[in-house]
Amino acid sequence: MRNAILAALEDIRGNLRLHRGGIDLVSLDEDAGIVTLRFTGACAGCALSDITMKKGIEVVLCERVPGIRKILTADSHA
């Protein structure tokens, strides 16, 4: 599961780089299907990051990686 998530995130990062941002995998609980991600660069704290997560990243990850049940966003300042 981890490798599939990392591959999907690498594809997603291309679009985020256009806006000087990025996204990192913080943690993965494979048993529970919970993925925690952190926005980086200009995406961290962006007013549109919630929309990017819900309408873009979550859709791509759930389509490409079976078993994901929930995606969380970590505090970018942690």
N, C-alpha and C. Protein backbone atom coordinates (compact mmCIF):
# COMPACT_ATOMS: atom_id res chain seq x y z
N MET A 1 0.82 -1.19 0.00
CA MET A 1 0.00 0.00 0.00
C MET A 1 0.87 1.26 0.00
N ARG A 2 1.93 1.24 0.80
CA ARG A 2 2.80 2.41 0.91
C ARG A 2 3.37 2.80 -0.46
N ASN A 3 3.86 1.83 -1.22
CA ASN A 3 4.44 2.14 -2.53
C ASN A 3 3.41 2.71 -3.49
N ALA A 4 2.19 2.21 -3.44
CA ALA A 4 1.13 2.73 -4.31
C ALA A 4 0.78 4.17 -3.94
N ILE A 5 0.76 4.46 -2.64
CA ILE A 5 0.48 5.83 -2.19
C ILE A 5 1.61 6.77 -2.64
N LEU A 6 2.84 6.34 -2.45
CA LEU A 6 3.98 7.17 -2.85
C LEU A 6 3.99 7.44 -4.35
N ALA A 7 3.64 6.43 -5.14
CA ALA A 7 3.58 6.62 -6.60
C ALA A 7 2.48 7.61 -6.97
N ALA A 8 1.32 7.49 -6.35
CA ALA A 8 0.22 8.41 -6.63
C ALA A 8 0.59 9.83 -6.22
N LEU A 9 1.22 9.97 -5.05
CA LEU A 9 1.63 11.30 -4.59
C LEU A 9 2.65 11.92 -5.52
N GLU A 10 3.53 11.12 -6.06
CA GLU A 10 4.53 11.65 -6.99
C GLU A 10 3.84 12.24 -8.23
N ASP A 11 2.80 11.58 -8.71
CA ASP A 11 2.04 12.11 -9.84
C ASP A 11 1.32 13.41 -9.46
N ILE A 12 0.76 13.45 -8.27
CA ILE A 12 0.03 14.62 -7.79
C ILE A 12 0.98 15.81 -7.60
N ARG A 13 2.18 15.53 -7.14
CA ARG A 13 3.15 16.60 -6.86
C ARG A 13 3.44 17.47 -8.08
N GLY A 14 3.37 16.90 -9.27
CA GLY A 14 3.61 17.68 -10.48
C GLY A 14 2.67 18.87 -10.57
N ASN A 15 1.41 18.66 -10.25
CA ASN A 15 0.44 19.76 -10.28
C ASN A 15 0.67 20.74 -9.13
N LEU A 16 1.02 20.23 -7.97
CA LEU A 16 1.24 21.12 -6.83
C LEU A 16 2.48 21.99 -7.03
N ARG A 17 3.49 21.44 -7.71
CA ARG A 17 4.72 22.22 -7.97
C ARG A 17 4.43 23.45 -8.82
N LEU A 18 3.41 23.38 -9.66
CA LEU A 18 3.05 24.54 -10.46
C LEU A 18 2.66 25.72 -9.59
N HIS A 19 2.26 25.43 -8.37
CA HIS A 19 1.84 26.46 -7.43
C HIS A 19 2.84 26.61 -6.29
N ARG A 20 4.06 26.08 -6.52
CA ARG A 20 5.15 26.14 -5.53
C ARG A 20 4.82 25.39 -4.25
N GLY A 21 4.07 24.31 -4.38
CA GLY A 21 3.70 23.53 -3.21
C GLY A 21 4.07 22.07 -3.38
N GLY A 22 3.68 21.30 -2.39
CA GLY A 22 3.93 19.88 -2.42
C GLY A 22 3.11 19.17 -1.36
N ILE A 23 3.30 17.86 -1.29
CA ILE A 23 2.60 17.06 -0.28
C ILE A 23 3.47 15.88 0.08
N ASP A 24 3.50 15.55 1.37
CA ASP A 24 4.30 14.45 1.88
C ASP A 24 3.43 13.46 2.64
N LEU A 25 3.83 12.21 2.58
CA LEU A 25 3.20 11.17 3.39
C LEU A 25 3.81 11.26 4.78
N VAL A 26 2.98 11.47 5.79
CA VAL A 26 3.44 11.58 7.17
C VAL A 26 3.38 10.22 7.84
N SER A 27 2.23 9.54 7.69
CA SER A 27 2.08 8.23 8.31
C SER A 27 1.03 7.42 7.57
N LEU A 28 1.10 6.12 7.80
CA LEU A 28 0.16 5.19 7.18
C LEU A 28 -0.16 4.10 8.19
N ASP A 29 -1.42 3.91 8.47
CA ASP A 29 -1.89 2.79 9.28
C ASP A 29 -2.61 1.85 8.32
N GLU A 30 -1.88 0.87 7.80
CA GLU A 30 -2.45 -0.02 6.79
C GLU A 30 -3.63 -0.81 7.32
N ASP A 31 -3.57 -1.25 8.57
CA ASP A 31 -4.67 -2.05 9.13
C ASP A 31 -5.97 -1.26 9.17
N ALA A 32 -5.89 0.01 9.53
CA ALA A 32 -7.08 0.85 9.62
C ALA A 32 -7.39 1.56 8.31
N GLY A 33 -6.43 1.59 7.36
CA GLY A 33 -6.64 2.28 6.10
C GLY A 33 -6.58 3.79 6.24
N ILE A 34 -5.80 4.27 7.20
CA ILE A 34 -5.72 5.71 7.47
C ILE A 34 -4.37 6.24 6.98
N VAL A 35 -4.44 7.27 6.15
CA VAL A 35 -3.27 7.92 5.59
C VAL A 35 -3.24 9.35 6.12
N THR A 36 -2.07 9.79 6.58
CA THR A 36 -1.90 11.17 7.02
C THR A 36 -0.91 11.85 6.10
N LEU A 37 -1.32 12.99 5.57
CA LEU A 37 -0.52 13.75 4.61
C LEU A 37 -0.24 15.14 5.15
N ARG A 38 0.82 15.78 4.65
CA ARG A 38 1.14 17.15 5.04
C ARG A 38 1.44 17.96 3.78
N PHE A 39 0.75 19.09 3.64
CA PHE A 39 1.06 20.02 2.56
C PHE A 39 2.37 20.71 2.88
N THR A 40 3.14 21.02 1.84
CA THR A 40 4.41 21.72 2.00
C THR A 40 4.45 22.92 1.06
N GLY A 41 5.44 23.75 1.24
CA GLY A 41 5.62 24.91 0.38
C GLY A 41 4.42 25.84 0.44
N ALA A 42 4.06 26.40 -0.69
CA ALA A 42 2.96 27.36 -0.76
C ALA A 42 1.61 26.72 -0.45
N CYS A 43 1.52 25.38 -0.55
CA CYS A 43 0.25 24.70 -0.26
C CYS A 43 -0.04 24.67 1.24
N ALA A 44 1.00 24.71 2.06
CA ALA A 44 0.82 24.72 3.51
C ALA A 44 0.17 26.04 3.91
N GLY A 45 -1.01 25.96 4.45
CA GLY A 45 -1.72 27.16 4.86
C GLY A 45 -2.50 27.86 3.77
N CYS A 46 -2.48 27.34 2.56
CA CYS A 46 -3.24 27.96 1.46
C CYS A 46 -4.73 27.84 1.74
N ALA A 47 -5.46 28.88 1.42
CA ALA A 47 -6.92 28.88 1.65
C ALA A 47 -7.63 27.81 0.83
N LEU A 48 -7.03 27.38 -0.27
CA LEU A 48 -7.67 26.37 -1.12
C LEU A 48 -7.19 24.95 -0.84
N SER A 49 -6.36 24.76 0.18
CA SER A 49 -5.80 23.43 0.43
C SER A 49 -6.87 22.40 0.79
N ASP A 50 -7.93 22.81 1.49
CA ASP A 50 -9.01 21.86 1.82
C ASP A 50 -9.69 21.36 0.55
N ILE A 51 -9.92 22.25 -0.39
CA ILE A 51 -10.55 21.87 -1.66
C ILE A 51 -9.61 20.97 -2.45
N THR A 52 -8.33 21.33 -2.48
CA THR A 52 -7.34 20.50 -3.17
C THR A 52 -7.33 19.09 -2.59
N MET A 53 -7.42 18.99 -1.28
CA MET A 53 -7.41 17.68 -0.63
C MET A 53 -8.68 16.90 -0.97
N LYS A 54 -9.83 17.50 -0.77
CA LYS A 54 -11.10 16.78 -0.94
C LYS A 54 -11.42 16.45 -2.39
N LYS A 55 -11.22 17.41 -3.27
CA LYS A 55 -11.63 17.25 -4.67
C LYS A 55 -10.53 16.70 -5.57
N GLY A 56 -9.31 16.69 -5.08
CA GLY A 56 -8.20 16.25 -5.92
C GLY A 56 -7.45 15.06 -5.34
N ILE A 57 -6.72 15.31 -4.28
CA ILE A 57 -5.84 14.30 -3.73
C ILE A 57 -6.60 13.09 -3.21
N GLU A 58 -7.65 13.30 -2.43
CA GLU A 58 -8.43 12.17 -1.90
C GLU A 58 -9.01 11.33 -3.03
N VAL A 59 -9.52 11.97 -4.06
CA VAL A 59 -10.12 11.25 -5.18
C VAL A 59 -9.07 10.37 -5.86
N VAL A 60 -7.92 10.94 -6.15
CA VAL A 60 -6.86 10.19 -6.83
C VAL A 60 -6.39 9.02 -5.97
N LEU A 61 -6.10 9.29 -4.70
CA LEU A 61 -5.60 8.22 -3.83
C LEU A 61 -6.61 7.09 -3.66
N CYS A 62 -7.86 7.42 -3.45
CA CYS A 62 -8.88 6.39 -3.25
C CYS A 62 -9.13 5.58 -4.52
N GLU A 63 -8.99 6.20 -5.67
CA GLU A 63 -9.13 5.47 -6.93
C GLU A 63 -7.95 4.54 -7.18
N ARG A 64 -6.77 4.99 -6.83
CA ARG A 64 -5.56 4.24 -7.17
C ARG A 64 -5.07 3.28 -6.10
N VAL A 65 -5.51 3.47 -4.86
CA VAL A 65 -5.00 2.64 -3.77
C VAL A 65 -6.16 2.01 -3.00
N PRO A 66 -6.46 0.75 -3.30
CA PRO A 66 -7.52 0.07 -2.57
C PRO A 66 -7.17 -0.04 -1.08
N GLY A 67 -8.17 0.08 -0.25
CA GLY A 67 -7.96 -0.09 1.18
C GLY A 67 -7.87 1.20 1.97
N ILE A 68 -7.78 2.34 1.28
CA ILE A 68 -7.77 3.61 2.00
C ILE A 68 -9.19 3.90 2.47
N ARG A 69 -9.31 4.12 3.77
CA ARG A 69 -10.62 4.44 4.35
C ARG A 69 -10.75 5.90 4.77
N LYS A 70 -9.59 6.50 5.11
CA LYS A 70 -9.63 7.87 5.61
C LYS A 70 -8.29 8.54 5.33
N ILE A 71 -8.36 9.82 4.94
CA ILE A 71 -7.16 10.61 4.72
C ILE A 71 -7.21 11.83 5.62
N LEU A 72 -6.16 11.99 6.41
CA LEU A 72 -6.05 13.10 7.34
C LEU A 72 -4.97 14.05 6.86
N THR A 73 -5.07 15.31 7.29
CA THR A 73 -4.05 16.30 6.98
C THR A 73 -3.36 16.67 8.27
N ALA A 74 -2.03 16.51 8.32
CA ALA A 74 -1.25 16.88 9.49
C ALA A 74 -1.01 18.38 9.50
N ASP A 75 -0.82 18.91 10.67
CA ASP A 75 -0.47 20.32 10.84
C ASP A 75 0.88 20.56 10.16
N SER A 76 0.93 21.49 9.24
CA SER A 76 2.15 21.74 8.48
C SER A 76 3.27 22.34 9.34
N HIS A 77 2.96 22.73 10.55
CA HIS A 77 3.97 23.33 11.42
C HIS A 77 4.44 22.37 12.49
N ALA A 78 3.98 21.12 12.42
CA ALA A 78 4.36 20.15 13.47
C ALA A 78 5.78 19.68 13.30
